[in-house]
Amino acid sequence: MGLDRYRTAKKMLENKQDDFDVQDCFEILKATAQTECPTVVSMVFDAANNHAFWCENRKWGDISEQNICL
């Protein structure tokens, strides 16, 4: 249960390029999103720029962004 998704993410991360970015993170989340009990929110945090990105209900073309002031 979930092992296939873990293996997919692990393989994608092992094959990442040096320019790995937020969009690449979302590609991993898209590839590993649950369908039987659907993923509701997928989030990526860009620590270098203090930005959070998310999409809801696997709408991968509709990604929101918020600056996180710490």
C-alpha atoms as a PDB file:
ATOM      1  CA  MET A   1       0.000   0.000   0.000  1.00  0.00           C
ATOM      2  CA  GLY A   2       1.781   3.094  -1.249  1.00  0.00           C
ATOM      3  CA  LEU A   3       5.033   1.260  -1.956  1.00  0.00           C
ATOM      4  CA  ASP A   4       4.596   1.762  -5.697  1.00  0.00           C
ATOM      5  CA  ARG A   5       4.221   5.521  -5.192  1.00  0.00           C
ATOM      6  CA  TYR A   6       7.302   5.588  -2.957  1.00  0.00           C
ATOM      7  CA  ARG A   7       9.347   3.720  -5.572  1.00  0.00           C
ATOM      8  CA  THR A   8       8.174   6.082  -8.316  1.00  0.00           C
ATOM      9  CA  ALA A   9       9.165   9.158  -6.293  1.00  0.00           C
ATOM     10  CA  LYS A  10      12.490   7.614  -5.272  1.00  0.00           C
ATOM     11  CA  LYS A  11      13.371   6.819  -8.887  1.00  0.00           C
ATOM     12  CA  MET A  12      12.387  10.308 -10.062  1.00  0.00           C
ATOM     13  CA  LEU A  13      14.494  11.915  -7.333  1.00  0.00           C
ATOM     14  CA  GLU A  14      17.488   9.703  -8.099  1.00  0.00           C
ATOM     15  CA  ASN A  15      17.300  10.818 -11.742  1.00  0.00           C
ATOM     16  CA  LYS A  16      16.827  14.531 -11.037  1.00  0.00           C
ATOM     17  CA  GLN A  17      18.903  17.174 -12.792  1.00  0.00           C
ATOM     18  CA  ASP A  18      20.959  19.920 -11.135  1.00  0.00           C
ATOM     19  CA  ASP A  19      18.277  22.476 -12.052  1.00  0.00           C
ATOM     20  CA  PHE A  20      15.562  20.651 -10.058  1.00  0.00           C
ATOM     21  CA  ASP A  21      12.849  23.191  -9.266  1.00  0.00           C
ATOM     22  CA  VAL A  22       9.282  23.675  -8.044  1.00  0.00           C
ATOM     23  CA  GLN A  23       7.811  22.396 -11.317  1.00  0.00           C
ATOM     24  CA  ASP A  24       9.903  19.226 -11.011  1.00  0.00           C
ATOM     25  CA  CYS A  25       8.519  18.745  -7.495  1.00  0.00           C
ATOM     26  CA  PHE A  26       4.992  18.993  -8.845  1.00  0.00           C
ATOM     27  CA  GLU A  27       5.826  16.412 -11.525  1.00  0.00           C
ATOM     28  CA  ILE A  28       6.724  13.984  -8.738  1.00  0.00           C
ATOM     29  CA  LEU A  29       3.552  14.845  -6.824  1.00  0.00           C
ATOM     30  CA  LYS A  30       1.494  14.387  -9.992  1.00  0.00           C
ATOM     31  CA  ALA A  31       3.104  11.012 -10.706  1.00  0.00           C
ATOM     32  CA  THR A  32       2.443   9.807  -7.169  1.00  0.00           C
ATOM     33  CA  ALA A  33      -0.976  11.344  -6.464  1.00  0.00           C
ATOM     34  CA  GLN A  34      -3.523   8.961  -5.035  1.00  0.00           C
ATOM     35  CA  THR A  35      -6.609   8.189  -7.076  1.00  0.00           C
ATOM     36  CA  GLU A  36      -8.534   5.650  -5.002  1.00  0.00           C
ATOM     37  CA  CYS A  37      -8.624   7.969  -1.998  1.00  0.00           C
ATOM     38  CA  PRO A  38      -7.843  11.108  -4.020  1.00  0.00           C
ATOM     39  CA  THR A  39      -5.121  13.555  -3.081  1.00  0.00           C
ATOM     40  CA  VAL A  40      -6.818  16.811  -2.099  1.00  0.00           C
ATOM     41  CA  VAL A  41      -3.840  19.170  -1.678  1.00  0.00           C
ATOM     42  CA  SER A  42      -0.303  18.920  -3.046  1.00  0.00           C
ATOM     43  CA  MET A  43       2.246  21.415  -1.705  1.00  0.00           C
ATOM     44  CA  VAL A  44       5.822  22.460  -2.441  1.00  0.00           C
ATOM     45  CA  PHE A  45       7.814  24.852  -0.280  1.00  0.00           C
ATOM     46  CA  ASP A  46      10.640  26.855  -1.847  1.00  0.00           C
ATOM     47  CA  ALA A  47      12.807  27.526   1.209  1.00  0.00           C
ATOM     48  CA  ALA A  48      15.283  29.716  -0.689  1.00  0.00           C
ATOM     49  CA  ASN A  49      12.548  32.189  -1.625  1.00  0.00           C
ATOM     50  CA  ASN A  50      10.076  31.598   1.241  1.00  0.00           C
ATOM     51  CA  HIS A  51       7.258  30.667  -1.142  1.00  0.00           C
ATOM     52  CA  ALA A  52       4.629  27.977  -0.776  1.00  0.00           C
ATOM     53  CA  PHE A  53       2.995  26.517  -3.895  1.00  0.00           C
ATOM     54  CA  TRP A  54      -0.066  24.279  -3.912  1.00  0.00           C
ATOM     55  CA  CYS A  55      -2.799  22.855  -6.049  1.00  0.00           C
ATOM     56  CA  GLU A  56      -6.091  21.350  -4.985  1.00  0.00           C
ATOM     57  CA  ASN A  57      -7.835  18.216  -6.221  1.00  0.00           C
ATOM     58  CA  ARG A  58      -5.036  17.337  -8.659  1.00  0.00           C
ATOM     59  CA  LYS A  59      -5.689  20.399 -10.851  1.00  0.00           C
ATOM     60  CA  TRP A  60      -2.047  20.521 -11.924  1.00  0.00           C
ATOM     61  CA  GLY A  61      -2.587  23.481 -14.240  1.00  0.00           C
ATOM     62  CA  ASP A  62      -3.936  25.656 -11.419  1.00  0.00           C
ATOM     63  CA  ILE A  63      -1.058  26.122  -8.975  1.00  0.00           C
ATOM     64  CA  SER A  64      -1.363  28.844  -6.344  1.00  0.00           C
ATOM     65  CA  GLU A  65       1.572  30.647  -4.750  1.00  0.00           C
ATOM     66  CA  GLN A  66       2.005  32.504  -1.476  1.00  0.00           C
ATOM     67  CA  ASN A  67       5.011  34.346  -0.066  1.00  0.00           C
ATOM     68  CA  ILE A  68       5.620  33.152   3.483  1.00  0.00           C
ATOM     69  CA  CYS A  69       6.980  35.950   5.665  1.00  0.00           C
ATOM     70  CA  LEU A  70       8.898  34.503   8.581  1.00  0.00           C
END
